[in-house]
């Protein structure tokens, strides 16, 4: 499909979605958020997609934030609607995809950019990455899940400090905090993510989808994650992937999973 602000490419079951607004440091405007939703949705529904990688174009930024010019004159009702819609169509949507999503964080990941990265299932950063939620310096707070996901990933105290100071941390500090899983050079970033994606793609997509559901359940109010784990564990027994995986193990060969 053709997009104005993003590029989506598939290669060997790995879909790479690149936010392509380098002149705006890949800032998220309304159109870009809608295009990202569509690209993630299309990739997730494609039976051939095993893993999705999302990154930013150029060498400066993953996503440097939201496009402030679009909402600078909003009132209370419009601001609430902006956050609610954005969370629904992109940030919560990505978090709950059945396909694994890796954020390849190249350069600045600020505000909505960091919120997008945190919505992904895990993150890899280039060594020039800078991450932060600077919204309070604009008189507002993170509105795309930042106040919820950041404490989950790095702890309440560190999240409080990072949000209150509107500060940025570098890639190594993000690694120390557990905000990113790995740090690479900028040149190695995508190949490194593709290597992880290839490892993931050898495993059962059906089981991975169940694992995503079970892990996410632990962070939802009113949901018992252990119950969801039991349910998803049981569901796996009724799948072709379970039959192939166990048969291959007993036959001492590599499993060839039929896919989602």
C-alpha atoms as a PDB file:
ATOM      1  CA  UNK A   1       0.000   0.000   0.000  1.00  0.00           C
ATOM      2  CA  UNK A   2       1.012   3.611  -0.578  1.00  0.00           C
ATOM      3  CA  UNK A   3       1.332   5.999   2.371  1.00  0.00           C
ATOM      4  CA  UNK A   4       2.320   9.654   2.702  1.00  0.00           C
ATOM      5  CA  UNK A   5       4.247   9.429   5.963  1.00  0.00           C
ATOM      6  CA  UNK A   6       5.368   5.836   6.395  1.00  0.00           C
ATOM      7  CA  UNK A   7       6.961   3.018   4.421  1.00  0.00           C
ATOM      8  CA  UNK A   8       5.979  -0.618   4.974  1.00  0.00           C
ATOM      9  CA  UNK A   9       8.106  -3.441   3.549  1.00  0.00           C
ATOM     10  CA  UNK A  10       8.008  -7.209   4.017  1.00  0.00           C
ATOM     11  CA  UNK A  11      10.949  -9.571   3.673  1.00  0.00           C
ATOM     12  CA  UNK A  12      10.930 -13.229   4.716  1.00  0.00           C
ATOM     13  CA  UNK A  13       8.026 -12.786   7.113  1.00  0.00           C
ATOM     14  CA  UNK A  14       9.446  -9.638   8.732  1.00  0.00           C
ATOM     15  CA  UNK A  15       7.517  -6.415   8.116  1.00  0.00           C
ATOM     16  CA  UNK A  16       9.509  -3.222   8.667  1.00  0.00           C
ATOM     17  CA  UNK A  17       7.414  -0.083   9.152  1.00  0.00           C
ATOM     18  CA  UNK A  18       9.438   3.123   8.809  1.00  0.00           C
ATOM     19  CA  UNK A  19       8.028   6.475   9.921  1.00  0.00           C
ATOM     20  CA  UNK A  20       9.155   8.731   7.088  1.00  0.00           C
ATOM     21  CA  UNK A  21       8.922  12.405   8.028  1.00  0.00           C
ATOM     22  CA  UNK A  22      12.631  13.208   8.420  1.00  0.00           C
ATOM     23  CA  UNK A  23      12.117  16.960   7.967  1.00  0.00           C
ATOM     24  CA  UNK A  24       9.808  16.875  11.020  1.00  0.00           C
ATOM     25  CA  UNK A  25      12.045  14.419  12.900  1.00  0.00           C
ATOM     26  CA  UNK A  26       9.289  11.842  12.227  1.00  0.00           C
ATOM     27  CA  UNK A  27       6.842  13.633  14.537  1.00  0.00           C
ATOM     28  CA  UNK A  28       3.453  11.973  14.921  1.00  0.00           C
ATOM     29  CA  UNK A  29       0.632  13.957  13.360  1.00  0.00           C
ATOM     30  CA  UNK A  30      -2.942  12.748  12.938  1.00  0.00           C
ATOM     31  CA  UNK A  31      -2.353  11.354   9.457  1.00  0.00           C
ATOM     32  CA  UNK A  32       0.784   9.469  10.512  1.00  0.00           C
ATOM     33  CA  UNK A  33      -1.001   7.875  13.470  1.00  0.00           C
ATOM     34  CA  UNK A  34      -3.821   6.726  11.174  1.00  0.00           C
ATOM     35  CA  UNK A  35      -1.370   5.385   8.599  1.00  0.00           C
ATOM     36  CA  UNK A  36       0.544   3.514  11.300  1.00  0.00           C
ATOM     37  CA  UNK A  37      -2.692   1.938  12.517  1.00  0.00           C
ATOM     38  CA  UNK A  38      -3.468   0.780   9.000  1.00  0.00           C
ATOM     39  CA  UNK A  39       0.033  -0.585   8.353  1.00  0.00           C
ATOM     40  CA  UNK A  40       0.110  -2.486  11.658  1.00  0.00           C
ATOM     41  CA  UNK A  41      -3.381  -3.846  11.011  1.00  0.00           C
ATOM     42  CA  UNK A  42      -2.518  -5.024   7.495  1.00  0.00           C
ATOM     43  CA  UNK A  43       0.725  -6.655   8.658  1.00  0.00           C
ATOM     44  CA  UNK A  44      -0.970  -8.344  11.613  1.00  0.00           C
ATOM     45  CA  UNK A  45      -3.720  -9.819   9.425  1.00  0.00           C
ATOM     46  CA  UNK A  46      -1.247 -11.166   6.870  1.00  0.00           C
ATOM     47  CA  UNK A  47      -0.688 -14.848   7.635  1.00  0.00           C
ATOM     48  CA  UNK A  48       2.861 -14.547   6.320  1.00  0.00           C
ATOM     49  CA  UNK A  49       3.880 -11.906   8.867  1.00  0.00           C
ATOM     50  CA  UNK A  50       5.901 -13.339  11.736  1.00  0.00           C
ATOM     51  CA  UNK A  51       7.383 -10.161  13.282  1.00  0.00           C
ATOM     52  CA  UNK A  52       6.958  -6.402  12.841  1.00  0.00           C
ATOM     53  CA  UNK A  53       9.806  -3.915  13.303  1.00  0.00           C
ATOM     54  CA  UNK A  54       9.004  -0.201  13.591  1.00  0.00           C
ATOM     55  CA  UNK A  55      11.673   2.482  13.181  1.00  0.00           C
ATOM     56  CA  UNK A  56      12.211   6.068  12.015  1.00  0.00           C
ATOM     57  CA  UNK A  57      13.799   7.327   8.818  1.00  0.00           C
ATOM     58  CA  UNK A  58      17.079   9.224   8.837  1.00  0.00           C
ATOM     59  CA  UNK A  59      19.795   9.236  11.472  1.00  0.00           C
ATOM     60  CA  UNK A  60      18.383  11.748  13.953  1.00  0.00           C
ATOM     61  CA  UNK A  61      15.099  10.419  15.246  1.00  0.00           C
ATOM     62  CA  UNK A  62      12.866   7.430  15.826  1.00  0.00           C
ATOM     63  CA  UNK A  63      10.017   9.833  16.595  1.00  0.00           C
ATOM     64  CA  UNK A  64      10.802  13.192  18.184  1.00  0.00           C
ATOM     65  CA  UNK A  65       7.289  13.571  19.597  1.00  0.00           C
ATOM     66  CA  UNK A  66       3.801  14.555  18.560  1.00  0.00           C
ATOM     67  CA  UNK A  67       3.146  17.355  16.087  1.00  0.00           C
ATOM     68  CA  UNK A  68       2.333  20.094  18.612  1.00  0.00           C
ATOM     69  CA  UNK A  69       1.026  22.479  15.964  1.00  0.00           C
ATOM     70  CA  UNK A  70      -2.008  20.215  15.503  1.00  0.00           C
ATOM     71  CA  UNK A  71      -3.312  20.581  19.069  1.00  0.00           C
ATOM     72  CA  UNK A  72      -1.828  23.810  20.486  1.00  0.00           C
ATOM     73  CA  UNK A  73      -5.262  25.485  20.462  1.00  0.00           C
ATOM     74  CA  UNK A  74      -7.324  22.515  21.718  1.00  0.00           C
ATOM     75  CA  UNK A  75      -9.735  22.820  24.661  1.00  0.00           C
ATOM     76  CA  UNK A  76     -10.326  20.279  27.446  1.00  0.00           C
ATOM     77  CA  UNK A  77     -12.831  18.205  25.485  1.00  0.00           C
ATOM     78  CA  UNK A  78     -10.666  18.142  22.369  1.00  0.00           C
ATOM     79  CA  UNK A  79      -7.563  17.207  24.378  1.00  0.00           C
ATOM     80  CA  UNK A  80      -9.329  14.289  26.040  1.00  0.00           C
ATOM     81  CA  UNK A  81     -10.655  13.089  22.698  1.00  0.00           C
ATOM     82  CA  UNK A  82      -7.165  13.318  21.163  1.00  0.00           C
ATOM     83  CA  UNK A  83      -5.658  11.083  23.863  1.00  0.00           C
ATOM     84  CA  UNK A  84      -8.547   8.602  23.847  1.00  0.00           C
ATOM     85  CA  UNK A  85      -8.556   8.166  20.072  1.00  0.00           C
ATOM     86  CA  UNK A  86      -4.765   7.976  19.804  1.00  0.00           C
ATOM     87  CA  UNK A  87      -4.530   5.329  22.505  1.00  0.00           C
ATOM     88  CA  UNK A  88      -7.270   3.268  20.879  1.00  0.00           C
ATOM     89  CA  UNK A  89      -6.119   3.292  17.262  1.00  0.00           C
ATOM     90  CA  UNK A  90      -2.358   3.089  17.766  1.00  0.00           C
ATOM     91  CA  UNK A  91      -0.755   2.701  21.192  1.00  0.00           C
ATOM     92  CA  UNK A  92      -3.112   0.180  22.820  1.00  0.00           C
ATOM     93  CA  UNK A  93      -3.616  -1.381  19.403  1.00  0.00           C
ATOM     94  CA  UNK A  94       0.112  -2.079  18.992  1.00  0.00           C
ATOM     95  CA  UNK A  95       0.497  -3.387  22.539  1.00  0.00           C
ATOM     96  CA  UNK A  96      -2.263  -5.934  21.997  1.00  0.00           C
ATOM     97  CA  UNK A  97      -1.304  -7.115  18.493  1.00  0.00           C
ATOM     98  CA  UNK A  98      -0.960 -10.874  18.174  1.00  0.00           C
ATOM     99  CA  UNK A  99       2.211 -10.348  16.110  1.00  0.00           C
ATOM    100  CA  UNK A 100       5.401  -9.435  18.021  1.00  0.00           C
ATOM    101  CA  UNK A 101       6.458  -5.805  17.508  1.00  0.00           C
ATOM    102  CA  UNK A 102      10.052  -4.642  18.011  1.00  0.00           C
ATOM    103  CA  UNK A 103      10.860  -0.930  18.256  1.00  0.00           C
ATOM    104  CA  UNK A 104      14.199  -0.105  16.599  1.00  0.00           C
ATOM    105  CA  UNK A 105      14.888   3.209  18.333  1.00  0.00           C
ATOM    106  CA  UNK A 106      17.285   5.270  16.234  1.00  0.00           C
ATOM    107  CA  UNK A 107      17.984   8.711  17.698  1.00  0.00           C
ATOM    108  CA  UNK A 108      15.379  10.760  19.560  1.00  0.00           C
ATOM    109  CA  UNK A 109      12.361   8.974  21.033  1.00  0.00           C
ATOM    110  CA  UNK A 110      10.536  11.732  22.852  1.00  0.00           C
ATOM    111  CA  UNK A 111       6.946  12.198  23.986  1.00  0.00           C
ATOM    112  CA  UNK A 112       4.671  10.294  21.633  1.00  0.00           C
ATOM    113  CA  UNK A 113       7.746   8.662  20.129  1.00  0.00           C
ATOM    114  CA  UNK A 114       8.761   7.060  23.407  1.00  0.00           C
ATOM    115  CA  UNK A 115       5.124   6.180  24.030  1.00  0.00           C
ATOM    116  CA  UNK A 116       5.021   4.348  20.693  1.00  0.00           C
ATOM    117  CA  UNK A 117       8.256   2.525  21.514  1.00  0.00           C
ATOM    118  CA  UNK A 118       6.873   1.526  24.927  1.00  0.00           C
ATOM    119  CA  UNK A 119       3.695   0.189  23.316  1.00  0.00           C
ATOM    120  CA  UNK A 120       5.853  -2.223  21.297  1.00  0.00           C
ATOM    121  CA  UNK A 121       6.608  -5.583  22.860  1.00  0.00           C
ATOM    122  CA  UNK A 122      10.260  -4.693  23.389  1.00  0.00           C
ATOM    123  CA  UNK A 123      12.853  -2.148  22.302  1.00  0.00           C
ATOM    124  CA  UNK A 124      16.376  -2.033  20.850  1.00  0.00           C
ATOM    125  CA  UNK A 125      18.186   1.324  20.750  1.00  0.00           C
ATOM    126  CA  UNK A 126      21.087   2.726  18.767  1.00  0.00           C
ATOM    127  CA  UNK A 127      23.862   4.226  20.866  1.00  0.00           C
ATOM    128  CA  UNK A 128      22.875   7.760  19.817  1.00  0.00           C
ATOM    129  CA  UNK A 129      19.329   7.357  21.111  1.00  0.00           C
ATOM    130  CA  UNK A 130      17.844   9.860  23.558  1.00  0.00           C
ATOM    131  CA  UNK A 131      14.619   8.940  25.314  1.00  0.00           C
ATOM    132  CA  UNK A 132      12.230  11.012  27.409  1.00  0.00           C
ATOM    133  CA  UNK A 133       8.758  12.351  28.095  1.00  0.00           C
ATOM    134  CA  UNK A 134       9.123  16.164  28.077  1.00  0.00           C
ATOM    135  CA  UNK A 135       5.398  16.981  28.109  1.00  0.00           C
ATOM    136  CA  UNK A 136       5.328  18.803  31.460  1.00  0.00           C
ATOM    137  CA  UNK A 137       7.646  21.437  29.975  1.00  0.00           C
ATOM    138  CA  UNK A 138       4.715  22.265  27.658  1.00  0.00           C
ATOM    139  CA  UNK A 139       2.134  22.390  30.441  1.00  0.00           C
ATOM    140  CA  UNK A 140       0.631  18.985  29.685  1.00  0.00           C
ATOM    141  CA  UNK A 141       1.309  15.336  30.589  1.00  0.00           C
ATOM    142  CA  UNK A 142       1.989  12.291  28.433  1.00  0.00           C
ATOM    143  CA  UNK A 143      -1.373  11.345  26.935  1.00  0.00           C
ATOM    144  CA  UNK A 144      -0.637   8.265  24.855  1.00  0.00           C
ATOM    145  CA  UNK A 145      -0.023   5.864  27.739  1.00  0.00           C
ATOM    146  CA  UNK A 146       3.294   7.272  28.942  1.00  0.00           C
ATOM    147  CA  UNK A 147       2.309   7.698  32.584  1.00  0.00           C
ATOM    148  CA  UNK A 148       1.178   4.066  32.677  1.00  0.00           C
ATOM    149  CA  UNK A 149       3.765   2.166  30.639  1.00  0.00           C
ATOM    150  CA  UNK A 150       6.901   3.966  31.830  1.00  0.00           C
ATOM    151  CA  UNK A 151       6.417   2.987  35.517  1.00  0.00           C
ATOM    152  CA  UNK A 152       5.654  -0.585  34.415  1.00  0.00           C
ATOM    153  CA  UNK A 153       8.966  -0.734  32.581  1.00  0.00           C
ATOM    154  CA  UNK A 154      11.357   1.197  34.843  1.00  0.00           C
ATOM    155  CA  UNK A 155       9.578   1.514  38.204  1.00  0.00           C
ATOM    156  CA  UNK A 156       7.495   4.260  39.783  1.00  0.00           C
ATOM    157  CA  UNK A 157      10.296   6.375  41.264  1.00  0.00           C
ATOM    158  CA  UNK A 158      12.378   6.558  38.117  1.00  0.00           C
ATOM    159  CA  UNK A 159       9.287   7.249  36.014  1.00  0.00           C
ATOM    160  CA  UNK A 160       8.220  10.043  38.357  1.00  0.00           C
ATOM    161  CA  UNK A 161      11.634  11.675  38.110  1.00  0.00           C
ATOM    162  CA  UNK A 162      11.910  11.346  34.330  1.00  0.00           C
ATOM    163  CA  UNK A 163       8.418  12.759  33.744  1.00  0.00           C
ATOM    164  CA  UNK A 164       8.670  15.536  36.361  1.00  0.00           C
ATOM    165  CA  UNK A 165      12.063  16.774  35.147  1.00  0.00           C
ATOM    166  CA  UNK A 166      11.049  16.512  31.460  1.00  0.00           C
ATOM    167  CA  UNK A 167      14.532  15.087  31.058  1.00  0.00           C
ATOM    168  CA  UNK A 168      16.146  12.736  28.579  1.00  0.00           C
ATOM    169  CA  UNK A 169      18.243   9.637  29.183  1.00  0.00           C
ATOM    170  CA  UNK A 170      20.752   8.140  26.783  1.00  0.00           C
ATOM    171  CA  UNK A 171      20.707   4.612  25.406  1.00  0.00           C
ATOM    172  CA  UNK A 172      23.005   3.150  28.047  1.00  0.00           C
ATOM    173  CA  UNK A 173      20.949   4.570  30.899  1.00  0.00           C
ATOM    174  CA  UNK A 174      17.802   3.279  29.193  1.00  0.00           C
ATOM    175  CA  UNK A 175      19.446  -0.149  29.067  1.00  0.00           C
ATOM    176  CA  UNK A 176      20.356   0.103  32.757  1.00  0.00           C
ATOM    177  CA  UNK A 177      16.756   1.059  33.587  1.00  0.00           C
ATOM    178  CA  UNK A 178      15.338  -1.837  31.553  1.00  0.00           C
ATOM    179  CA  UNK A 179      13.601   0.529  29.149  1.00  0.00           C
ATOM    180  CA  UNK A 180      15.447  -1.046  26.204  1.00  0.00           C
ATOM    181  CA  UNK A 181      16.692  -4.627  25.853  1.00  0.00           C
ATOM    182  CA  UNK A 182      19.836  -3.971  23.806  1.00  0.00           C
ATOM    183  CA  UNK A 183      22.028  -1.121  22.544  1.00  0.00           C
ATOM    184  CA  UNK A 184      23.821  -1.278  19.201  1.00  0.00           C
ATOM    185  CA  UNK A 185      25.541   1.096  16.810  1.00  0.00           C
ATOM    186  CA  UNK A 186      23.215   2.880  14.419  1.00  0.00           C
ATOM    187  CA  UNK A 187      24.547   0.810  11.516  1.00  0.00           C
ATOM    188  CA  UNK A 188      23.871  -2.438  13.360  1.00  0.00           C
ATOM    189  CA  UNK A 189      20.428  -1.495  14.684  1.00  0.00           C
ATOM    190  CA  UNK A 190      18.171  -2.898  11.964  1.00  0.00           C
ATOM    191  CA  UNK A 191      20.313  -5.965  11.213  1.00  0.00           C
ATOM    192  CA  UNK A 192      20.363  -6.733  14.954  1.00  0.00           C
ATOM    193  CA  UNK A 193      16.563  -6.403  15.189  1.00  0.00           C
ATOM    194  CA  UNK A 194      16.170  -8.555  12.084  1.00  0.00           C
ATOM    195  CA  UNK A 195      18.363 -11.208  13.679  1.00  0.00           C
ATOM    196  CA  UNK A 196      16.121 -11.304  16.755  1.00  0.00           C
ATOM    197  CA  UNK A 197      13.042 -11.297  14.500  1.00  0.00           C
ATOM    198  CA  UNK A 198      14.410 -14.299  12.595  1.00  0.00           C
ATOM    199  CA  UNK A 199      14.849 -16.207  15.862  1.00  0.00           C
ATOM    200  CA  UNK A 200      11.279 -15.361  16.838  1.00  0.00           C
ATOM    201  CA  UNK A 201       9.934 -16.386  13.422  1.00  0.00           C
ATOM    202  CA  UNK A 202      11.260 -19.938  13.863  1.00  0.00           C
ATOM    203  CA  UNK A 203       8.904 -20.469  16.773  1.00  0.00           C
ATOM    204  CA  UNK A 204       5.151 -20.986  16.888  1.00  0.00           C
ATOM    205  CA  UNK A 205       3.292 -17.789  15.963  1.00  0.00           C
ATOM    206  CA  UNK A 206       0.184 -19.208  17.618  1.00  0.00           C
ATOM    207  CA  UNK A 207       2.005 -19.822  20.901  1.00  0.00           C
ATOM    208  CA  UNK A 208       3.687 -16.399  20.748  1.00  0.00           C
ATOM    209  CA  UNK A 209       0.285 -14.748  20.308  1.00  0.00           C
ATOM    210  CA  UNK A 210      -0.967 -16.587  23.392  1.00  0.00           C
ATOM    211  CA  UNK A 211       2.131 -15.546  25.346  1.00  0.00           C
ATOM    212  CA  UNK A 212       1.554 -11.877  24.433  1.00  0.00           C
ATOM    213  CA  UNK A 213      -2.030 -12.123  25.708  1.00  0.00           C
ATOM    214  CA  UNK A 214      -0.984 -13.770  28.955  1.00  0.00           C
ATOM    215  CA  UNK A 215       1.866 -11.327  29.669  1.00  0.00           C
ATOM    216  CA  UNK A 216      -0.284  -8.270  28.927  1.00  0.00           C
ATOM    217  CA  UNK A 217      -3.056  -9.588  31.169  1.00  0.00           C
ATOM    218  CA  UNK A 218      -0.842  -9.091  34.216  1.00  0.00           C
ATOM    219  CA  UNK A 219      -0.918  -5.324  33.632  1.00  0.00           C
ATOM    220  CA  UNK A 220      -4.689  -4.952  33.241  1.00  0.00           C
ATOM    221  CA  UNK A 221      -6.897  -3.907  36.161  1.00  0.00           C
ATOM    222  CA  UNK A 222      -9.454  -6.493  37.178  1.00  0.00           C
ATOM    223  CA  UNK A 223      -7.798  -9.274  35.173  1.00  0.00           C
ATOM    224  CA  UNK A 224      -6.086 -12.266  36.778  1.00  0.00           C
ATOM    225  CA  UNK A 225      -3.013 -12.925  34.658  1.00  0.00           C
ATOM    226  CA  UNK A 226      -2.639 -16.451  36.034  1.00  0.00           C
ATOM    227  CA  UNK A 227      -6.160 -17.305  34.854  1.00  0.00           C
ATOM    228  CA  UNK A 228      -5.384 -15.986  31.368  1.00  0.00           C
ATOM    229  CA  UNK A 229      -2.153 -17.984  31.331  1.00  0.00           C
ATOM    230  CA  UNK A 230      -4.040 -21.169  32.219  1.00  0.00           C
ATOM    231  CA  UNK A 231      -6.637 -20.450  29.542  1.00  0.00           C
ATOM    232  CA  UNK A 232      -4.075 -19.692  26.827  1.00  0.00           C
ATOM    233  CA  UNK A 233      -1.933 -22.679  27.860  1.00  0.00           C
ATOM    234  CA  UNK A 234      -4.959 -24.930  27.424  1.00  0.00           C
ATOM    235  CA  UNK A 235      -5.880 -23.365  24.107  1.00  0.00           C
ATOM    236  CA  UNK A 236      -2.442 -24.215  22.729  1.00  0.00           C
ATOM    237  CA  UNK A 237      -3.229 -27.927  23.085  1.00  0.00           C
ATOM    238  CA  UNK A 238      -5.901 -27.614  20.403  1.00  0.00           C
ATOM    239  CA  UNK A 239      -3.588 -26.150  17.753  1.00  0.00           C
ATOM    240  CA  UNK A 240      -1.701 -27.622  14.816  1.00  0.00           C
ATOM    241  CA  UNK A 241       1.407 -25.860  16.138  1.00  0.00           C
ATOM    242  CA  UNK A 242       1.262 -27.845  19.381  1.00  0.00           C
ATOM    243  CA  UNK A 243       0.938 -31.100  17.474  1.00  0.00           C
ATOM    244  CA  UNK A 244       3.854 -30.211  15.199  1.00  0.00           C
ATOM    245  CA  UNK A 245       6.048 -28.881  18.023  1.00  0.00           C
ATOM    246  CA  UNK A 246       5.637 -31.899  20.289  1.00  0.00           C
ATOM    247  CA  UNK A 247       5.900 -34.381  17.426  1.00  0.00           C
ATOM    248  CA  UNK A 248       9.099 -32.733  16.175  1.00  0.00           C
ATOM    249  CA  UNK A 249      10.579 -32.822  19.668  1.00  0.00           C
ATOM    250  CA  UNK A 250       9.826 -36.534  20.085  1.00  0.00           C
ATOM    251  CA  UNK A 251      11.176 -37.242  16.609  1.00  0.00           C
ATOM    252  CA  UNK A 252      14.298 -35.203  17.392  1.00  0.00           C
ATOM    253  CA  UNK A 253      13.898 -32.820  14.451  1.00  0.00           C
ATOM    254  CA  UNK A 254      13.241 -29.104  14.021  1.00  0.00           C
ATOM    255  CA  UNK A 255       9.597 -28.119  14.030  1.00  0.00           C
ATOM    256  CA  UNK A 256       8.088 -26.628  10.907  1.00  0.00           C
ATOM    257  CA  UNK A 257       5.168 -24.610  12.142  1.00  0.00           C
ATOM    258  CA  UNK A 258       2.283 -24.044   9.714  1.00  0.00           C
ATOM    259  CA  UNK A 259       1.875 -20.401  10.725  1.00  0.00           C
ATOM    260  CA  UNK A 260      -0.903 -18.278  12.105  1.00  0.00           C
END
